[in-house]
Amino acid sequence: MSTRLIIDGNAVYEIDEACEAGKKRFAEETAESRKQKWSRGRGERQENTREK
């Protein structure tokens, strides 16, 4: 596990790179999931309007 230190004036932050990578992966998966749900929902709405 690797970490980074960020020094900002008197504040020091320790960044866990493994955790940061996991958060990025989760965000990408969530965005892809939302994108798929949106496109499916949009297709269903279009089908319903055509039936009327």
Protein backbone atom coordinates (compact mmCIF):
# COMPACT_ATOMS: atom_id res chain seq x y z
CA MET A 1 0.00 0.00 0.00
CA SER A 2 1.42 3.37 -0.96
CA THR A 3 0.59 6.76 0.42
CA ARG A 4 1.24 10.36 -0.55
CA LEU A 5 1.83 13.29 1.74
CA ILE A 6 0.43 16.67 0.80
CA ILE A 7 1.78 19.63 2.73
CA ASP A 8 -0.40 22.73 2.64
CA GLY A 9 1.00 25.43 4.89
CA ASN A 10 0.81 24.00 8.42
CA ALA A 11 -1.56 21.18 7.40
CA VAL A 12 -0.32 17.76 6.33
CA TYR A 13 -2.60 15.29 4.54
CA GLU A 14 -1.87 11.60 4.02
CA ILE A 15 -3.53 10.18 0.89
CA ASP A 16 -4.05 6.41 0.65
CA GLU A 17 -3.63 5.72 -3.08
CA ALA A 18 -5.33 2.30 -2.93
CA CYS A 19 -8.44 3.85 -1.39
CA GLU A 20 -8.37 6.68 -3.92
CA ALA A 21 -8.20 4.17 -6.81
CA GLY A 22 -11.17 2.26 -5.36
CA LYS A 23 -13.23 5.44 -5.11
CA LYS A 24 -12.41 6.30 -8.72
CA ARG A 25 -13.39 2.81 -9.91
CA PHE A 26 -16.68 3.00 -7.95
CA ALA A 27 -17.48 6.40 -9.45
CA GLU A 28 -16.84 5.10 -12.98
CA GLU A 29 -19.04 2.03 -12.42
CA THR A 30 -21.82 4.18 -10.96
CA ALA A 31 -21.67 6.60 -13.88
CA GLU A 32 -21.83 3.73 -16.38
CA SER A 33 -24.76 2.17 -14.52
CA ARG A 34 -26.68 5.47 -14.51
CA LYS A 35 -25.94 5.94 -18.20
CA GLN A 36 -27.34 2.49 -19.02
CA LYS A 37 -30.46 3.03 -16.89
CA TRP A 38 -31.08 6.41 -18.50
CA SER A 39 -30.81 5.03 -22.04
CA ARG A 40 -33.11 2.10 -21.18
CA GLY A 41 -35.66 4.42 -19.57
CA ARG A 42 -35.52 6.75 -22.53
CA GLY A 43 -36.15 3.85 -24.94
CA GLU A 44 -39.17 2.69 -22.92
CA ARG A 45 -40.68 6.18 -22.96
CA GLN A 46 -40.25 6.39 -26.72
CA GLU A 47 -41.99 3.02 -27.15
CA ASN A 48 -44.92 4.13 -24.98
CA THR A 49 -45.46 7.31 -26.97
CA ARG A 50 -45.47 5.36 -30.23
CA GLU A 51 -48.25 3.08 -28.99
CA LYS A 52 -50.69 5.98 -28.45
